[in-house]
Full PDB file with SEQRES, HELIX, SHEET, SSBOND, CRYST1, ORIGX, SCALE, CONECT and MASTER records, all heavy atoms in Angstrom:
SEQRES   1 A   43  VAL ARG ASN HIS ASP MET ALA LEU ALA PHE ILE THR HIS          
SEQRES   2 A   43  ASP LEU SER LEU VAL GLY LEU ILE CYS ASP GLU VAL ALA          
SEQRES   3 A   43  VAL VAL TYR LYS GLY ASP LEU VAL GLU HIS GLY ALA ALA          
SEQRES   4 A   43  LEU ASP ILE LEU                                              
HELIX    1 AA1 LEU A   15  LEU A   17  5                                   3    
HELIX    2 AA2 VAL A   18  ILE A   21  1                                   4    
HELIX    3 AA3 ALA A   39  ILE A   42  1                                   4    
SHEET    1 AA1 2 GLU A  24  TYR A  29  0                                        
SHEET    2 AA1 2 ASP A  32  ALA A  38 -1                                        
CRYST1    1.000    1.000    1.000  90.00  90.00  90.00 P 1           1          
ORIGX1      1.000000  0.000000  0.000000        0.00000                         
ORIGX2      0.000000  1.000000  0.000000        0.00000                         
ORIGX3      0.000000  0.000000  1.000000        0.00000                         
SCALE1      1.000000  0.000000  0.000000        0.00000                         
SCALE2      0.000000  1.000000  0.000000        0.00000                         
SCALE3      0.000000  0.000000  1.000000        0.00000                         
ATOM      1  N   VAL A   1     -66.669  10.033  -0.289  1.00  0.00           N  
ATOM      2  CA  VAL A   1     -66.900   8.596  -0.443  1.00  0.00           C  
ATOM      3  C   VAL A   1     -66.361   8.119  -1.781  1.00  0.00           C  
ATOM      4  O   VAL A   1     -65.689   7.071  -1.871  1.00  0.00           O  
ATOM      5  CB  VAL A   1     -68.408   8.281  -0.320  1.00  0.00           C  
ATOM      6  CG1 VAL A   1     -68.691   6.830  -0.704  1.00  0.00           C  
ATOM      7  CG2 VAL A   1     -68.895   8.560   1.093  1.00  0.00           C  
ATOM      8  N   ARG A   2     -66.612   8.881  -2.825  1.00  0.00           N  
ATOM      9  CA  ARG A   2     -66.169   8.484  -4.165  1.00  0.00           C  
ATOM     10  C   ARG A   2     -64.658   8.615  -4.332  1.00  0.00           C  
ATOM     11  O   ARG A   2     -63.999   7.691  -4.850  1.00  0.00           O  
ATOM     12  CB  ARG A   2     -66.889   9.325  -5.224  1.00  0.00           C  
ATOM     13  CG  ARG A   2     -66.525   8.946  -6.655  1.00  0.00           C  
ATOM     14  CD  ARG A   2     -67.272   9.766  -7.682  1.00  0.00           C  
ATOM     15  NE  ARG A   2     -66.928  11.180  -7.599  1.00  0.00           N  
ATOM     16  CZ  ARG A   2     -67.753  12.112  -7.130  1.00  0.00           C  
ATOM     17  NH1 ARG A   2     -68.950  11.784  -6.705  1.00  0.00           N  
ATOM     18  NH2 ARG A   2     -67.379  13.385  -7.083  1.00  0.00           N  
ATOM     19  N   ASN A   3     -64.081   9.712  -3.873  1.00  0.00           N  
ATOM     20  CA  ASN A   3     -62.654   9.969  -4.098  1.00  0.00           C  
ATOM     21  C   ASN A   3     -61.741   9.114  -3.232  1.00  0.00           C  
ATOM     22  O   ASN A   3     -60.623   8.775  -3.638  1.00  0.00           O  
ATOM     23  CB  ASN A   3     -62.336  11.445  -3.867  1.00  0.00           C  
ATOM     24  CG  ASN A   3     -63.065  12.360  -4.842  1.00  0.00           C  
ATOM     25  OD1 ASN A   3     -63.457  11.936  -5.930  1.00  0.00           O  
ATOM     26  ND2 ASN A   3     -63.269  13.606  -4.456  1.00  0.00           N  
ATOM     27  N   HIS A   4     -62.204   8.781  -2.006  1.00  0.00           N  
ATOM     28  CA  HIS A   4     -61.354   8.028  -1.079  1.00  0.00           C  
ATOM     29  C   HIS A   4     -61.806   6.583  -0.908  1.00  0.00           C  
ATOM     30  O   HIS A   4     -61.197   5.841  -0.119  1.00  0.00           O  
ATOM     31  CB  HIS A   4     -61.329   8.721   0.285  1.00  0.00           C  
ATOM     32  CG  HIS A   4     -60.693  10.074   0.262  1.00  0.00           C  
ATOM     33  ND1 HIS A   4     -59.333  10.259   0.400  1.00  0.00           N  
ATOM     34  CD2 HIS A   4     -61.227  11.310   0.094  1.00  0.00           C  
ATOM     35  CE1 HIS A   4     -59.054  11.545   0.336  1.00  0.00           C  
ATOM     36  NE2 HIS A   4     -60.191  12.215   0.154  1.00  0.00           N  
ATOM     37  N   ASP A   5     -62.868   6.179  -1.583  1.00  0.00           N  
ATOM     38  CA  ASP A   5     -63.392   4.814  -1.481  1.00  0.00           C  
ATOM     39  C   ASP A   5     -63.653   4.441  -0.026  1.00  0.00           C  
ATOM     40  O   ASP A   5     -63.346   3.340   0.422  1.00  0.00           O  
ATOM     41  CB  ASP A   5     -62.425   3.811  -2.123  1.00  0.00           C  
ATOM     42  CG  ASP A   5     -63.100   2.465  -2.405  1.00  0.00           C  
ATOM     43  OD1 ASP A   5     -64.302   2.459  -2.706  1.00  0.00           O  
ATOM     44  OD2 ASP A   5     -62.408   1.420  -2.303  1.00  0.00           O  
ATOM     45  N   MET A   6     -64.204   5.384   0.723  1.00  0.00           N  
ATOM     46  CA  MET A   6     -64.524   5.121   2.121  1.00  0.00           C  
ATOM     47  C   MET A   6     -65.994   4.753   2.259  1.00  0.00           C  
ATOM     48  O   MET A   6     -66.808   4.984   1.354  1.00  0.00           O  
ATOM     49  CB  MET A   6     -64.192   6.336   2.995  1.00  0.00           C  
ATOM     50  CG  MET A   6     -65.077   7.535   2.760  1.00  0.00           C  
ATOM     51  SD  MET A   6     -64.838   8.852   3.986  1.00  0.00           S  
ATOM     52  CE  MET A   6     -63.120   9.272   3.744  1.00  0.00           C  
ATOM     53  N   ALA A   7     -66.329   4.178   3.392  1.00  0.00           N  
ATOM     54  CA  ALA A   7     -67.718   3.868   3.717  1.00  0.00           C  
ATOM     55  C   ALA A   7     -68.292   5.002   4.558  1.00  0.00           C  
ATOM     56  O   ALA A   7     -67.595   5.567   5.407  1.00  0.00           O  
ATOM     57  CB  ALA A   7     -67.815   2.546   4.465  1.00  0.00           C  
ATOM     58  N   LEU A   8     -69.556   5.334   4.323  1.00  0.00           N  
ATOM     59  CA  LEU A   8     -70.207   6.411   5.054  1.00  0.00           C  
ATOM     60  C   LEU A   8     -71.513   5.911   5.658  1.00  0.00           C  
ATOM     61  O   LEU A   8     -72.351   5.336   4.961  1.00  0.00           O  
ATOM     62  CB  LEU A   8     -70.492   7.602   4.134  1.00  0.00           C  
ATOM     63  CG  LEU A   8     -71.345   8.735   4.711  1.00  0.00           C  
ATOM     64  CD1 LEU A   8     -70.654   9.390   5.902  1.00  0.00           C  
ATOM     65  CD2 LEU A   8     -71.652   9.791   3.643  1.00  0.00           C  
ATOM     66  N   ALA A   9     -71.659   6.112   6.969  1.00  0.00           N  
ATOM     67  CA  ALA A   9     -72.934   5.893   7.646  1.00  0.00           C  
ATOM     68  C   ALA A   9     -73.570   7.254   7.855  1.00  0.00           C  
ATOM     69  O   ALA A   9     -73.034   8.090   8.594  1.00  0.00           O  
ATOM     70  CB  ALA A   9     -72.730   5.182   8.976  1.00  0.00           C  
ATOM     71  N   PHE A  10     -74.704   7.478   7.200  1.00  0.00           N  
ATOM     72  CA  PHE A  10     -75.366   8.781   7.235  1.00  0.00           C  
ATOM     73  C   PHE A  10     -76.615   8.659   8.099  1.00  0.00           C  
ATOM     74  O   PHE A  10     -77.587   8.002   7.723  1.00  0.00           O  
ATOM     75  CB  PHE A  10     -75.725   9.209   5.811  1.00  0.00           C  
ATOM     76  CG  PHE A  10     -76.345  10.579   5.710  1.00  0.00           C  
ATOM     77  CD1 PHE A  10     -75.568  11.718   5.800  1.00  0.00           C  
ATOM     78  CD2 PHE A  10     -77.715  10.721   5.529  1.00  0.00           C  
ATOM     79  CE1 PHE A  10     -76.142  12.978   5.706  1.00  0.00           C  
ATOM     80  CE2 PHE A  10     -78.296  11.971   5.436  1.00  0.00           C  
ATOM     81  CZ  PHE A  10     -77.505  13.103   5.525  1.00  0.00           C  
ATOM     82  N   ILE A  11     -76.586   9.281   9.294  1.00  0.00           N  
ATOM     83  CA  ILE A  11     -77.688   9.198  10.246  1.00  0.00           C  
ATOM     84  C   ILE A  11     -78.613  10.387  10.028  1.00  0.00           C  
ATOM     85  O   ILE A  11     -78.160  11.538   9.998  1.00  0.00           O  
ATOM     86  CB  ILE A  11     -77.167   9.216  11.698  1.00  0.00           C  
ATOM     87  CG1 ILE A  11     -75.926   8.339  11.867  1.00  0.00           C  
ATOM     88  CG2 ILE A  11     -78.274   8.825  12.662  1.00  0.00           C  
ATOM     89  CD1 ILE A  11     -76.139   6.894  11.623  1.00  0.00           C  
ATOM     90  N   THR A  12     -79.904  10.132   9.885  1.00  0.00           N  
ATOM     91  CA  THR A  12     -80.839  11.229   9.652  1.00  0.00           C  
ATOM     92  C   THR A  12     -82.255  10.819  10.049  1.00  0.00           C  
ATOM     93  O   THR A  12     -82.576   9.624  10.121  1.00  0.00           O  
ATOM     94  CB  THR A  12     -80.826  11.666   8.174  1.00  0.00           C  
ATOM     95  OG1 THR A  12     -81.684  12.791   7.996  1.00  0.00           O  
ATOM     96  CG2 THR A  12     -81.278  10.543   7.259  1.00  0.00           C  
ATOM     97  N   HIS A  13     -83.072  11.813  10.318  1.00  0.00           N  
ATOM     98  CA  HIS A  13     -84.508  11.577  10.523  1.00  0.00           C  
ATOM     99  C   HIS A  13     -85.299  12.012   9.294  1.00  0.00           C  
ATOM    100  O   HIS A  13     -86.507  11.803   9.233  1.00  0.00           O  
ATOM    101  CB  HIS A  13     -85.000  12.364  11.745  1.00  0.00           C  
ATOM    102  CG  HIS A  13     -84.944  13.850  11.552  1.00  0.00           C  
ATOM    103  ND1 HIS A  13     -83.802  14.584  11.802  1.00  0.00           N  
ATOM    104  CD2 HIS A  13     -85.863  14.737  11.098  1.00  0.00           C  
ATOM    105  CE1 HIS A  13     -84.030  15.857  11.534  1.00  0.00           C  
ATOM    106  NE2 HIS A  13     -85.275  15.986  11.092  1.00  0.00           N  
ATOM    107  N   ASP A  14     -84.617  12.605   8.326  1.00  0.00           N  
ATOM    108  CA  ASP A  14     -85.262  13.224   7.166  1.00  0.00           C  
ATOM    109  C   ASP A  14     -85.091  12.344   5.930  1.00  0.00           C  
ATOM    110  O   ASP A  14     -84.018  12.297   5.328  1.00  0.00           O  
ATOM    111  CB  ASP A  14     -84.641  14.605   6.936  1.00  0.00           C  
ATOM    112  CG  ASP A  14     -85.391  15.411   5.879  1.00  0.00           C  
ATOM    113  OD1 ASP A  14     -86.300  14.842   5.235  1.00  0.00           O  
ATOM    114  OD2 ASP A  14     -85.067  16.597   5.707  1.00  0.00           O  
ATOM    115  N   LEU A  15     -86.153  11.654   5.554  1.00  0.00           N  
ATOM    116  CA  LEU A  15     -86.074  10.759   4.396  1.00  0.00           C  
ATOM    117  C   LEU A  15     -85.915  11.518   3.088  1.00  0.00           C  
ATOM    118  O   LEU A  15     -85.538  10.927   2.080  1.00  0.00           O  
ATOM    119  CB  LEU A  15     -87.327   9.880   4.332  1.00  0.00           C  
ATOM    120  CG  LEU A  15     -87.197   8.481   4.938  1.00  0.00           C  
ATOM    121  CD1 LEU A  15     -88.524   7.759   4.891  1.00  0.00           C  
ATOM    122  CD2 LEU A  15     -86.131   7.667   4.239  1.00  0.00           C  
ATOM    123  N   SER A  16     -86.174  12.819   3.078  1.00  0.00           N  
ATOM    124  CA  SER A  16     -86.012  13.575   1.837  1.00  0.00           C  
ATOM    125  C   SER A  16     -84.550  13.667   1.424  1.00  0.00           C  
ATOM    126  O   SER A  16     -84.235  13.934   0.262  1.00  0.00           O  
ATOM    127  CB  SER A  16     -86.600  14.983   1.985  1.00  0.00           C  
ATOM    128  OG  SER A  16     -85.870  15.737   2.943  1.00  0.00           O  
ATOM    129  N   LEU A  17     -83.623  13.434   2.366  1.00  0.00           N  
ATOM    130  CA  LEU A  17     -82.196  13.494   2.057  1.00  0.00           C  
ATOM    131  C   LEU A  17     -81.654  12.160   1.562  1.00  0.00           C  
ATOM    132  O   LEU A  17     -80.572  12.108   0.967  1.00  0.00           O  
ATOM    133  CB  LEU A  17     -81.402  13.919   3.305  1.00  0.00           C  
ATOM    134  CG  LEU A  17     -81.795  15.245   3.948  1.00  0.00           C  
ATOM    135  CD1 LEU A  17     -80.984  15.461   5.225  1.00  0.00           C  
ATOM    136  CD2 LEU A  17     -81.581  16.395   2.980  1.00  0.00           C  
ATOM    137  N   VAL A  18     -82.387  11.102   1.815  1.00  0.00           N  
ATOM    138  CA  VAL A  18     -81.890   9.753   1.525  1.00  0.00           C  
ATOM    139  C   VAL A  18     -81.607   9.562   0.045  1.00  0.00           C  
ATOM    140  O   VAL A  18     -80.569   9.020  -0.346  1.00  0.00           O  
ATOM    141  CB  VAL A  18     -82.892   8.709   2.048  1.00  0.00           C  
ATOM    142  CG1 VAL A  18     -82.607   7.341   1.448  1.00  0.00           C  
ATOM    143  CG2 VAL A  18     -82.840   8.644   3.565  1.00  0.00           C  
ATOM    144  N   GLY A  19     -82.537   9.996  -0.800  1.00  0.00           N  
ATOM    145  CA  GLY A  19     -82.363   9.803  -2.235  1.00  0.00           C  
ATOM    146  C   GLY A  19     -81.224  10.604  -2.822  1.00  0.00           C  
ATOM    147  O   GLY A  19     -80.734  10.289  -3.915  1.00  0.00           O  
ATOM    148  N   LEU A  20     -80.762  11.641  -2.109  1.00  0.00           N  
ATOM    149  CA  LEU A  20     -79.691  12.492  -2.617  1.00  0.00           C  
ATOM    150  C   LEU A  20     -78.311  11.899  -2.391  1.00  0.00           C  
ATOM    151  O   LEU A  20     -77.383  12.191  -3.141  1.00  0.00           O  
ATOM    152  CB  LEU A  20     -79.760  13.874  -1.953  1.00  0.00           C  
ATOM    153  CG  LEU A  20     -81.039  14.682  -2.187  1.00  0.00           C  
ATOM    154  CD1 LEU A  20     -80.995  15.965  -1.371  1.00  0.00           C  
ATOM    155  CD2 LEU A  20     -81.219  14.999  -3.660  1.00  0.00           C  
ATOM    156  N   ILE A  21     -78.155  11.091  -1.351  1.00  0.00           N  
ATOM    157  CA  ILE A  21     -76.810  10.671  -0.968  1.00  0.00           C  
ATOM    158  C   ILE A  21     -76.665   9.179  -0.713  1.00  0.00           C  
ATOM    159  O   ILE A  21     -75.580   8.625  -0.892  1.00  0.00           O  
ATOM    160  CB  ILE A  21     -76.359  11.459   0.294  1.00  0.00           C  
ATOM    161  CG1 ILE A  21     -74.885  11.194   0.600  1.00  0.00           C  
ATOM    162  CG2 ILE A  21     -77.239  11.145   1.487  1.00  0.00           C  
ATOM    163  CD1 ILE A  21     -74.323  12.073   1.697  1.00  0.00           C  
ATOM    164  N   CYS A  22     -77.726   8.489  -0.327  1.00  0.00           N  
ATOM    165  CA  CYS A  22     -77.592   7.110   0.153  1.00  0.00           C  
ATOM    166  C   CYS A  22     -77.733   6.069  -0.965  1.00  0.00           C  
ATOM    167  O   CYS A  22     -78.539   6.233  -1.881  1.00  0.00           O  
ATOM    168  CB  CYS A  22     -78.631   6.818   1.234  1.00  0.00           C  
ATOM    169  SG  CYS A  22     -78.449   7.861   2.691  1.00  0.00           S  
ATOM    170  N   ASP A  23     -76.961   4.989  -0.832  1.00  0.00           N  
ATOM    171  CA  ASP A  23     -77.089   3.832  -1.714  1.00  0.00           C  
ATOM    172  C   ASP A  23     -78.066   2.820  -1.130  1.00  0.00           C  
ATOM    173  O   ASP A  23     -78.799   2.155  -1.868  1.00  0.00           O  
ATOM    174  CB  ASP A  23     -75.720   3.162  -1.917  1.00  0.00           C  
ATOM    175  CG  ASP A  23     -74.723   4.104  -2.575  1.00  0.00           C  
ATOM    176  OD1 ASP A  23     -74.992   4.532  -3.713  1.00  0.00           O  
ATOM    177  OD2 ASP A  23     -73.692   4.414  -1.956  1.00  0.00           O  
ATOM    178  N   GLU A  24     -78.057   2.670   0.184  1.00  0.00           N  
ATOM    179  CA  GLU A  24     -79.001   1.785   0.865  1.00  0.00           C  
ATOM    180  C   GLU A  24     -79.468   2.447   2.149  1.00  0.00           C  
ATOM    181  O   GLU A  24     -78.824   3.376   2.656  1.00  0.00           O  
ATOM    182  CB  GLU A  24     -78.372   0.420   1.151  1.00  0.00           C  
ATOM    183  CG  GLU A  24     -77.086   0.467   1.949  1.00  0.00           C  
ATOM    184  CD  GLU A  24     -76.504  -0.916   2.158  1.00  0.00           C  
ATOM    185  OE1 GLU A  24     -77.255  -1.825   2.544  1.00  0.00           O  
ATOM    186  OE2 GLU A  24     -75.293  -1.094   1.926  1.00  0.00           O  
ATOM    187  N   VAL A  25     -80.591   1.951   2.661  1.00  0.00           N  
ATOM    188  CA  VAL A  25     -81.223   2.587   3.815  1.00  0.00           C  
ATOM    189  C   VAL A  25     -81.625   1.520   4.827  1.00  0.00           C  
ATOM    190  O   VAL A  25     -82.126   0.454   4.449  1.00  0.00           O  
ATOM    191  CB  VAL A  25     -82.469   3.399   3.399  1.00  0.00           C  
ATOM    192  CG1 VAL A  25     -83.177   3.967   4.623  1.00  0.00           C  
ATOM    193  CG2 VAL A  25     -82.092   4.522   2.457  1.00  0.00           C  
ATOM    194  N   ALA A  26     -81.389   1.822   6.100  1.00  0.00           N  
ATOM    195  CA  ALA A  26     -81.883   1.007   7.203  1.00  0.00           C  
ATOM    196  C   ALA A  26     -82.833   1.873   8.025  1.00  0.00           C  
ATOM    197  O   ALA A  26     -82.438   2.947   8.505  1.00  0.00           O  
ATOM    198  CB  ALA A  26     -80.728   0.509   8.067  1.00  0.00           C  
ATOM    199  N   VAL A  27     -84.075   1.443   8.163  1.00  0.00           N  
ATOM    200  CA  VAL A  27     -85.085   2.196   8.911  1.00  0.00           C  
ATOM    201  C   VAL A  27     -85.198   1.602  10.308  1.00  0.00           C  
ATOM    202  O   VAL A  27     -85.453   0.394  10.464  1.00  0.00           O  
ATOM    203  CB  VAL A  27     -86.447   2.162   8.196  1.00  0.00           C  
ATOM    204  CG1 VAL A  27     -87.474   2.995   8.962  1.00  0.00           C  
ATOM    205  CG2 VAL A  27     -86.313   2.672   6.767  1.00  0.00           C  
ATOM    206  N   VAL A  28     -85.009   2.447  11.333  1.00  0.00           N  
ATOM    207  CA  VAL A  28     -85.003   1.994  12.720  1.00  0.00           C  
ATOM    208  C   VAL A  28     -86.198   2.598  13.447  1.00  0.00           C  
ATOM    209  O   VAL A  28     -86.455   3.803  13.355  1.00  0.00           O  
ATOM    210  CB  VAL A  28     -83.695   2.409  13.425  1.00  0.00           C  
ATOM    211  CG1 VAL A  28     -83.674   1.884  14.855  1.00  0.00           C  
ATOM    212  CG2 VAL A  28     -82.487   1.883  12.656  1.00  0.00           C  
ATOM    213  N   TYR A  29     -86.931   1.740  14.170  1.00  0.00           N  
ATOM    214  CA  TYR A  29     -88.112   2.192  14.908  1.00  0.00           C  
ATOM    215  C   TYR A  29     -88.111   1.539  16.283  1.00  0.00           C  
ATOM    216  O   TYR A  29     -88.134   0.317  16.409  1.00  0.00           O  
ATOM    217  CB  TYR A  29     -89.383   1.821  14.151  1.00  0.00           C  
ATOM    218  CG  TYR A  29     -90.667   2.171  14.869  1.00  0.00           C  
ATOM    219  CD1 TYR A  29     -90.959   3.483  15.216  1.00  0.00           C  
ATOM    220  CD2 TYR A  29     -91.594   1.175  15.210  1.00  0.00           C  
ATOM    221  CE1 TYR A  29     -92.131   3.805  15.873  1.00  0.00           C  
ATOM    222  CE2 TYR A  29     -92.778   1.494  15.857  1.00  0.00           C  
ATOM    223  CZ  TYR A  29     -93.038   2.817  16.186  1.00  0.00           C  
ATOM    224  OH  TYR A  29     -94.200   3.142  16.842  1.00  0.00           O  
ATOM    225  N   LYS A  30     -88.018   2.360  17.326  1.00  0.00           N  
ATOM    226  CA  LYS A  30     -87.996   1.888  18.708  1.00  0.00           C  
ATOM    227  C   LYS A  30     -86.937   0.819  18.928  1.00  0.00           C  
ATOM    228  O   LYS A  30     -87.164  -0.182  19.611  1.00  0.00           O  
ATOM    229  CB  LYS A  30     -89.377   1.364  19.113  1.00  0.00           C  
ATOM    230  CG  LYS A  30     -90.431   2.455  19.229  1.00  0.00           C  
ATOM    231  CD  LYS A  30     -91.744   1.916  19.758  1.00  0.00           C  
ATOM    232  CE  LYS A  30     -92.761   3.037  19.944  1.00  0.00           C  
ATOM    233  NZ  LYS A  30     -94.066   2.521  20.457  1.00  0.00           N  
ATOM    234  N   GLY A  31     -85.776   1.028  18.326  1.00  0.00           N  
ATOM    235  CA  GLY A  31     -84.662   0.120  18.522  1.00  0.00           C  
ATOM    236  C   GLY A  31     -84.633  -1.078  17.606  1.00  0.00           C  
ATOM    237  O   GLY A  31     -83.660  -1.837  17.606  1.00  0.00           O  
ATOM    238  N   ASP A  32     -85.689  -1.276  16.819  1.00  0.00           N  
ATOM    239  CA  ASP A  32     -85.763  -2.408  15.897  1.00  0.00           C  
ATOM    240  C   ASP A  32     -85.446  -1.969  14.479  1.00  0.00           C  
ATOM    241  O   ASP A  32     -85.814  -0.863  14.058  1.00  0.00           O  
ATOM    242  CB  ASP A  32     -87.163  -3.044  15.910  1.00  0.00           C  
ATOM    243  CG  ASP A  32     -87.435  -3.813  17.187  1.00  0.00           C  
ATOM    244  OD1 ASP A  32     -86.553  -4.597  17.599  1.00  0.00           O  
ATOM    245  OD2 ASP A  32     -88.509  -3.630  17.769  1.00  0.00           O  
ATOM    246  N   LEU A  33     -84.789  -2.827  13.720  1.00  0.00           N  
ATOM    247  CA  LEU A  33     -84.567  -2.600  12.294  1.00  0.00           C  
ATOM    248  C   LEU A  33     -85.799  -3.122  11.558  1.00  0.00           C  
ATOM    249  O   LEU A  33     -85.995  -4.329  11.423  1.00  0.00           O  
ATOM    250  CB  LEU A  33     -83.310  -3.340  11.823  1.00  0.00           C  
ATOM    251  CG  LEU A  33     -82.929  -3.176  10.348  1.00  0.00           C  
ATOM    252  CD1 LEU A  33     -82.622  -1.723  10.033  1.00  0.00           C  
ATOM    253  CD2 LEU A  33     -81.743  -4.058  10.003  1.00  0.00           C  
ATOM    254  N   VAL A  34     -86.654  -2.206  11.077  1.00  0.00           N  
ATOM    255  CA  VAL A  34     -87.923  -2.610  10.489  1.00  0.00           C  
ATOM    256  C   VAL A  34     -87.861  -2.746   8.973  1.00  0.00           C  
ATOM    257  O   VAL A  34     -88.725  -3.391   8.372  1.00  0.00           O  
ATOM    258  CB  VAL A  34     -89.052  -1.632  10.885  1.00  0.00           C  
ATOM    259  CG1 VAL A  34     -89.250  -1.637  12.390  1.00  0.00           C  
ATOM    260  CG2 VAL A  34     -88.768  -0.221  10.388  1.00  0.00           C  
ATOM    261  N   GLU A  35     -86.860  -2.114   8.340  1.00  0.00           N  
ATOM    262  CA  GLU A  35     -86.743  -2.202   6.882  1.00  0.00           C  
ATOM    263  C   GLU A  35     -85.317  -1.883   6.464  1.00  0.00           C  
ATOM    264  O   GLU A  35     -84.686  -0.983   7.014  1.00  0.00           O  
ATOM    265  CB  GLU A  35     -87.732  -1.244   6.214  1.00  0.00           C  
ATOM    266  CG  GLU A  35     -87.968  -1.549   4.752  1.00  0.00           C  
ATOM    267  CD  GLU A  35     -89.270  -0.954   4.227  1.00  0.00           C  
ATOM    268  OE1 GLU A  35     -90.016  -0.326   5.016  1.00  0.00           O  
ATOM    269  OE2 GLU A  35     -89.542  -1.119   3.037  1.00  0.00           O  
ATOM    270  N   HIS A  36     -84.815  -2.632   5.468  1.00  0.00           N  
ATOM    271  CA  HIS A  36     -83.434  -2.450   5.024  1.00  0.00           C  
ATOM    272  C   HIS A  36     -83.344  -2.848   3.561  1.00  0.00           C  
ATOM    273  O   HIS A  36     -83.800  -3.927   3.175  1.00  0.00           O  
ATOM    274  CB  HIS A  36     -82.488  -3.311   5.869  1.00  0.00           C  
ATOM    275  CG  HIS A  36     -81.046  -3.131   5.517  1.00  0.00           C  
ATOM    276  ND1 HIS A  36     -80.080  -4.079   5.779  1.00  0.00           N  
ATOM    277  CD2 HIS A  36     -80.389  -2.100   4.908  1.00  0.00           C  
ATOM    278  CE1 HIS A  36     -78.898  -3.651   5.358  1.00  0.00           C  
ATOM    279  NE2 HIS A  36     -79.069  -2.456   4.824  1.00  0.00           N  
ATOM    280  N   GLY A  37     -82.803  -1.962   2.734  1.00  0.00           N  
ATOM    281  CA  GLY A  37     -82.682  -2.269   1.316  1.00  0.00           C  
ATOM    282  C   GLY A  37     -82.119  -1.101   0.537  1.00  0.00           C  
ATOM    283  O   GLY A  37     -81.648  -0.114   1.116  1.00  0.00           O  
ATOM    284  N   ALA A  38     -82.159  -1.221  -0.785  1.00  0.00           N  
ATOM    285  CA  ALA A  38     -81.678  -0.150  -1.653  1.00  0.00           C  
ATOM    286  C   ALA A  38     -82.505   1.110  -1.433  1.00  0.00           C  
ATOM    287  O   ALA A  38     -83.725   1.043  -1.230  1.00  0.00           O  
ATOM    288  CB  ALA A  38     -81.742  -0.583  -3.109  1.00  0.00           C  
ATOM    289  N   ALA A  39     -81.852   2.265  -1.484  1.00  0.00           N  
ATOM    290  CA  ALA A  39     -82.514   3.525  -1.146  1.00  0.00           C  
ATOM    291  C   ALA A  39     -83.720   3.797  -2.039  1.00  0.00           C  
ATOM    292  O   ALA A  39     -84.812   4.111  -1.549  1.00  0.00           O  
ATOM    293  CB  ALA A  39     -81.518   4.680  -1.240  1.00  0.00           C  
ATOM    294  N   LEU A  40     -83.554   3.666  -3.348  1.00  0.00           N  
ATOM    295  CA  LEU A  40     -84.657   3.965  -4.262  1.00  0.00           C  
ATOM    296  C   LEU A  40     -85.801   2.974  -4.106  1.00  0.00           C  
ATOM    297  O   LEU A  40     -86.977   3.345  -4.223  1.00  0.00           O  
ATOM    298  CB  LEU A  40     -84.143   3.990  -5.704  1.00  0.00           C  
ATOM    299  CG  LEU A  40     -83.197   5.138  -6.050  1.00  0.00           C  
ATOM    300  CD1 LEU A  40     -82.775   5.071  -7.516  1.00  0.00           C  
ATOM    301  CD2 LEU A  40     -83.824   6.490  -5.753  1.00  0.00           C  
ATOM    302  N   ASP A  41     -85.483   1.717  -3.826  1.00  0.00           N  
ATOM    303  CA  ASP A  41     -86.541   0.724  -3.621  1.00  0.00           C  
ATOM    304  C   ASP A  41     -87.389   1.073  -2.419  1.00  0.00           C  
ATOM    305  O   ASP A  41     -88.628   0.972  -2.451  1.00  0.00           O  
ATOM    306  CB  ASP A  41     -85.933  -0.666  -3.441  1.00  0.00           C  
ATOM    307  CG  ASP A  41     -85.391  -1.242  -4.735  1.00  0.00           C  
ATOM    308  OD1 ASP A  41     -85.750  -0.710  -5.810  1.00  0.00           O  
ATOM    309  OD2 ASP A  41     -84.615  -2.212  -4.687  1.00  0.00           O  
ATOM    310  N   ILE A  42     -86.745   1.489  -1.334  1.00  0.00           N  
ATOM    311  CA  ILE A  42     -87.493   1.819  -0.120  1.00  0.00           C  
ATOM    312  C   ILE A  42     -88.299   3.097  -0.310  1.00  0.00           C  
ATOM    313  O   ILE A  42     -89.442   3.209   0.159  1.00  0.00           O  
ATOM    314  CB  ILE A  42     -86.526   1.935   1.068  1.00  0.00           C  
ATOM    315  CG1 ILE A  42     -86.052   0.539   1.472  1.00  0.00           C  
ATOM    316  CG2 ILE A  42     -87.176   2.653   2.248  1.00  0.00           C  
ATOM    317  CD1 ILE A  42     -85.130   0.497   2.653  1.00  0.00           C  
ATOM    318  N   LEU A  43     -87.757   4.078  -1.026  1.00  0.00           N  
ATOM    319  CA  LEU A  43     -88.493   5.316  -1.260  1.00  0.00           C  
ATOM    320  C   LEU A  43     -89.700   5.097  -2.164  1.00  0.00           C  
ATOM    321  O   LEU A  43     -90.756   5.717  -1.982  1.00  0.00           O  
ATOM    322  CB  LEU A  43     -87.561   6.366  -1.873  1.00  0.00           C  
ATOM    323  CG  LEU A  43     -86.510   6.971  -0.946  1.00  0.00           C  
ATOM    324  CD1 LEU A  43     -85.594   7.892  -1.731  1.00  0.00           C  
ATOM    325  CD2 LEU A  43     -87.153   7.718   0.214  1.00  0.00           C  
TER     326      LEU A  43                                                      
MASTER        0    0    0    3    2    0    0    6  325    1    0    4          
END                                                                             
């Protein structure tokens, strides 16, 4: 992401990984987007 200036969508069920790699987070529950914001703010 840094070297090629590309965008990355990182799909996971494990929130422990979010703080290591993500800039922002979208939380999905039963098909609904229930929360969306900066990764550290949501954590």
